[in-house]
Amino acid sequence: MTMADPQPAQGAFSRVKHVFRNPISLIGGALALVALANILFLFLIDLTSEHPAPYIGILAYMVGPAILICGLALIRSLPAD
C-alpha cells in the first residue's frame, strides 16, 4: 500500500464510528438504547408483578418497540459522509 492509497477500515469499531459521525445518528442510537432498556425493565416488572397491569404491557409490548424502531431508523436515516 502506498501513501496515496486510503487506509482500509480496521474492523467493526471503525464501521460503528463511521455510522455515528452525525448528530442525528447519535440521537437515534441513544433513543434505541434507552428504549431497549425500558422494554427490558418493563418486561421484568410485568413478569414479577402479582397483579396484572395492562398499562405496563401496553408500554412494554407496543409503545417501547415503536420507539426502538424509530431510534433504529434514525441511525440509518442520513449518510455519514
N, C-alpha and C. Protein backbone atom coordinates (compact mmCIF):
# COMPACT_ATOMS: atom_id res chain seq x y z
N MET A 1 0.85 -1.17 0.00
CA MET A 1 0.00 0.00 0.00
C MET A 1 0.89 1.24 0.00
N THR A 2 0.58 2.16 -0.86
CA THR A 2 1.36 3.39 -0.95
C THR A 2 0.73 4.46 -0.07
N MET A 3 1.42 5.58 0.02
CA MET A 3 0.91 6.67 0.86
C MET A 3 -0.34 7.32 0.24
N ALA A 4 -0.52 7.23 -1.07
CA ALA A 4 -1.67 7.85 -1.72
C ALA A 4 -2.95 7.04 -1.51
N ASP A 5 -2.81 5.74 -1.25
CA ASP A 5 -3.99 4.90 -1.05
C ASP A 5 -4.58 5.15 0.33
N PRO A 6 -5.90 5.28 0.41
CA PRO A 6 -6.51 5.42 1.73
C PRO A 6 -6.41 4.11 2.50
N GLN A 7 -6.27 4.23 3.78
CA GLN A 7 -6.16 3.04 4.62
C GLN A 7 -7.53 2.37 4.74
N PRO A 8 -7.59 1.05 4.57
CA PRO A 8 -8.88 0.36 4.68
C PRO A 8 -9.40 0.39 6.10
N ALA A 9 -10.70 0.15 6.24
CA ALA A 9 -11.34 0.15 7.56
C ALA A 9 -10.71 -0.91 8.46
N GLN A 10 -10.63 -0.62 9.73
CA GLN A 10 -9.97 -1.51 10.68
C GLN A 10 -10.96 -2.28 11.52
N GLY A 11 -12.00 -2.83 10.93
CA GLY A 11 -12.90 -3.70 11.67
C GLY A 11 -14.21 -3.05 12.04
N ALA A 12 -14.86 -3.69 12.99
CA ALA A 12 -16.22 -3.29 13.39
C ALA A 12 -16.24 -1.92 14.07
N PHE A 13 -15.23 -1.62 14.87
CA PHE A 13 -15.22 -0.33 15.58
C PHE A 13 -15.17 0.83 14.59
N SER A 14 -14.43 0.66 13.52
CA SER A 14 -14.33 1.71 12.52
C SER A 14 -15.67 1.93 11.84
N ARG A 15 -16.42 0.84 11.57
CA ARG A 15 -17.74 0.97 10.96
C ARG A 15 -18.71 1.68 11.90
N VAL A 16 -18.67 1.34 13.17
CA VAL A 16 -19.56 1.99 14.15
C VAL A 16 -19.22 3.47 14.26
N LYS A 17 -17.95 3.79 14.29
CA LYS A 17 -17.53 5.18 14.37
C LYS A 17 -17.97 5.96 13.13
N HIS A 18 -17.94 5.31 11.99
CA HIS A 18 -18.36 5.95 10.75
C HIS A 18 -19.87 6.21 10.75
N VAL A 19 -20.66 5.29 11.27
CA VAL A 19 -22.12 5.44 11.28
C VAL A 19 -22.54 6.57 12.23
N PHE A 20 -21.89 6.67 13.38
CA PHE A 20 -22.28 7.64 14.40
C PHE A 20 -21.55 8.96 14.26
N ARG A 21 -21.16 9.32 13.05
CA ARG A 21 -20.46 10.58 12.85
C ARG A 21 -21.38 11.80 12.89
N ASN A 22 -22.63 11.65 12.53
CA ASN A 22 -23.52 12.81 12.55
C ASN A 22 -24.43 12.78 13.79
N PRO A 23 -24.93 13.94 14.21
CA PRO A 23 -25.72 14.03 15.45
C PRO A 23 -27.06 13.31 15.39
N ILE A 24 -27.67 13.21 14.21
CA ILE A 24 -28.96 12.52 14.10
C ILE A 24 -28.77 11.04 14.43
N SER A 25 -27.69 10.45 13.94
CA SER A 25 -27.41 9.05 14.24
C SER A 25 -27.12 8.84 15.73
N LEU A 26 -26.44 9.79 16.33
CA LEU A 26 -26.18 9.70 17.78
C LEU A 26 -27.48 9.75 18.58
N ILE A 27 -28.39 10.64 18.19
CA ILE A 27 -29.68 10.73 18.86
C ILE A 27 -30.46 9.43 18.67
N GLY A 28 -30.44 8.89 17.46
CA GLY A 28 -31.12 7.63 17.20
C GLY A 28 -30.55 6.48 18.01
N GLY A 29 -29.23 6.44 18.13
CA GLY A 29 -28.60 5.39 18.94
C GLY A 29 -28.96 5.50 20.41
N ALA A 30 -28.97 6.72 20.92
CA ALA A 30 -29.34 6.92 22.32
C ALA A 30 -30.82 6.56 22.54
N LEU A 31 -31.67 6.95 21.61
CA LEU A 31 -33.09 6.64 21.71
C LEU A 31 -33.33 5.14 21.68
N ALA A 32 -32.64 4.44 20.78
CA ALA A 32 -32.80 2.99 20.68
C ALA A 32 -32.28 2.29 21.93
N LEU A 33 -31.17 2.77 22.48
CA LEU A 33 -30.60 2.16 23.67
C LEU A 33 -31.51 2.35 24.89
N VAL A 34 -32.05 3.54 25.05
CA VAL A 34 -32.95 3.81 26.17
C VAL A 34 -34.25 3.03 26.01
N ALA A 35 -34.76 2.95 24.78
CA ALA A 35 -35.99 2.20 24.55
C ALA A 35 -35.78 0.72 24.85
N LEU A 36 -34.65 0.15 24.45
CA LEU A 36 -34.37 -1.25 24.74
C LEU A 36 -34.26 -1.49 26.25
N ALA A 37 -33.60 -0.59 26.96
CA ALA A 37 -33.50 -0.73 28.42
C ALA A 37 -34.88 -0.64 29.07
N ASN A 38 -35.72 0.27 28.58
CA ASN A 38 -37.08 0.39 29.13
C ASN A 38 -37.92 -0.85 28.84
N ILE A 39 -37.78 -1.41 27.65
CA ILE A 39 -38.52 -2.63 27.32
C ILE A 39 -38.13 -3.75 28.26
N LEU A 40 -36.84 -3.93 28.47
CA LEU A 40 -36.37 -4.99 29.38
C LEU A 40 -36.85 -4.75 30.81
N PHE A 41 -36.77 -3.50 31.27
CA PHE A 41 -37.21 -3.17 32.62
C PHE A 41 -38.70 -3.42 32.79
N LEU A 42 -39.51 -2.97 31.84
CA LEU A 42 -40.95 -3.17 31.94
C LEU A 42 -41.33 -4.64 31.80
N PHE A 43 -40.57 -5.38 31.00
CA PHE A 43 -40.81 -6.82 30.88
C PHE A 43 -40.56 -7.52 32.21
N LEU A 44 -39.48 -7.13 32.90
CA LEU A 44 -39.20 -7.72 34.22
C LEU A 44 -40.26 -7.34 35.24
N ILE A 45 -40.73 -6.11 35.19
CA ILE A 45 -41.81 -5.71 36.09
C ILE A 45 -43.07 -6.52 35.80
N ASP A 46 -43.37 -6.72 34.52
CA ASP A 46 -44.55 -7.49 34.12
C ASP A 46 -44.44 -8.94 34.59
N LEU A 47 -43.24 -9.49 34.54
CA LEU A 47 -43.04 -10.88 34.99
C LEU A 47 -43.18 -11.03 36.50
N THR A 48 -42.70 -10.08 37.24
CA THR A 48 -42.64 -10.22 38.70
C THR A 48 -43.83 -9.63 39.44
N SER A 49 -44.71 -8.92 38.75
CA SER A 49 -45.83 -8.30 39.47
C SER A 49 -46.89 -9.36 39.82
N GLU A 50 -47.51 -9.16 40.98
CA GLU A 50 -48.53 -10.09 41.44
C GLU A 50 -49.87 -9.85 40.76
N HIS A 51 -50.16 -8.59 40.46
CA HIS A 51 -51.43 -8.23 39.84
C HIS A 51 -51.17 -7.83 38.39
N PRO A 52 -52.06 -8.21 37.49
CA PRO A 52 -51.86 -7.81 36.09
C PRO A 52 -51.99 -6.29 35.93
N ALA A 53 -51.09 -5.71 35.18
CA ALA A 53 -51.11 -4.27 34.94
C ALA A 53 -51.14 -4.05 33.42
N PRO A 54 -52.31 -3.73 32.88
CA PRO A 54 -52.40 -3.61 31.42
C PRO A 54 -51.59 -2.47 30.83
N TYR A 55 -51.42 -1.39 31.58
CA TYR A 55 -50.67 -0.26 31.03
C TYR A 55 -49.19 -0.56 30.92
N ILE A 56 -48.65 -1.37 31.81
CA ILE A 56 -47.25 -1.78 31.69
C ILE A 56 -47.07 -2.64 30.45
N GLY A 57 -48.04 -3.52 30.18
CA GLY A 57 -47.99 -4.32 28.97
C GLY A 57 -48.07 -3.49 27.71
N ILE A 58 -48.91 -2.47 27.71
CA ILE A 58 -49.02 -1.59 26.55
C ILE A 58 -47.70 -0.87 26.32
N LEU A 59 -47.10 -0.37 27.39
CA LEU A 59 -45.82 0.32 27.23
C LEU A 59 -44.71 -0.63 26.79
N ALA A 60 -44.67 -1.83 27.40
CA ALA A 60 -43.57 -2.75 27.12
C ALA A 60 -43.68 -3.41 25.76
N TYR A 61 -44.88 -3.70 25.30
CA TYR A 61 -45.03 -4.51 24.10
C TYR A 61 -45.54 -3.73 22.89
N MET A 62 -45.98 -2.49 23.06
CA MET A 62 -46.48 -1.71 21.92
C MET A 62 -45.71 -0.40 21.74
N VAL A 63 -45.64 0.40 22.78
CA VAL A 63 -45.01 1.71 22.68
C VAL A 63 -43.49 1.59 22.64
N GLY A 64 -42.93 0.75 23.51
CA GLY A 64 -41.48 0.59 23.57
C GLY A 64 -40.87 0.12 22.26
N PRO A 65 -41.39 -0.94 21.65
CA PRO A 65 -40.83 -1.36 20.35
C PRO A 65 -40.99 -0.32 19.25
N ALA A 66 -42.08 0.46 19.28
CA ALA A 66 -42.25 1.52 18.28
C ALA A 66 -41.16 2.58 18.43
N ILE A 67 -40.84 2.96 19.66
CA ILE A 67 -39.77 3.93 19.90
C ILE A 67 -38.42 3.34 19.52
N LEU A 68 -38.22 2.06 19.79
CA LEU A 68 -36.98 1.39 19.41
C LEU A 68 -36.80 1.40 17.89
N ILE A 69 -37.85 1.12 17.16
CA ILE A 69 -37.77 1.12 15.69
C ILE A 69 -37.51 2.53 15.17
N CYS A 70 -38.11 3.53 15.78
CA CYS A 70 -37.85 4.92 15.37
C CYS A 70 -36.38 5.29 15.61
N GLY A 71 -35.84 4.87 16.73
CA GLY A 71 -34.43 5.14 17.01
C GLY A 71 -33.51 4.44 16.02
N LEU A 72 -33.83 3.18 15.69
CA LEU A 72 -33.02 2.46 14.72
C LEU A 72 -33.13 3.08 13.33
N ALA A 73 -34.30 3.60 13.00
CA ALA A 73 -34.47 4.27 11.71
C ALA A 73 -33.66 5.57 11.65
N LEU A 74 -33.55 6.27 12.78
CA LEU A 74 -32.76 7.49 12.80
C LEU A 74 -31.27 7.21 12.60
N ILE A 75 -30.82 6.06 13.06
CA ILE A 75 -29.40 5.73 12.90
C ILE A 75 -29.06 5.63 11.43
N ARG A 76 -29.91 5.02 10.64
CA ARG A 76 -29.62 4.80 9.23
C ARG A 76 -30.27 5.85 8.32
N SER A 77 -30.83 6.92 8.87
CA SER A 77 -31.58 7.87 8.04
C SER A 77 -30.68 8.74 7.16
N LEU A 78 -29.55 9.14 7.66
CA LEU A 78 -28.67 10.03 6.90
C LEU A 78 -27.33 9.35 6.65
N PRO A 79 -26.73 9.58 5.50
CA PRO A 79 -25.41 9.02 5.27
C PRO A 79 -24.38 9.72 6.18
N ALA A 80 -23.33 9.02 6.53
CA ALA A 80 -22.33 9.55 7.46
C ALA A 80 -21.25 10.36 6.76
N ASP A 81 -21.43 10.68 5.49
CA ASP A 81 -20.39 11.44 4.76
C ASP A 81 -20.37 12.87 5.13
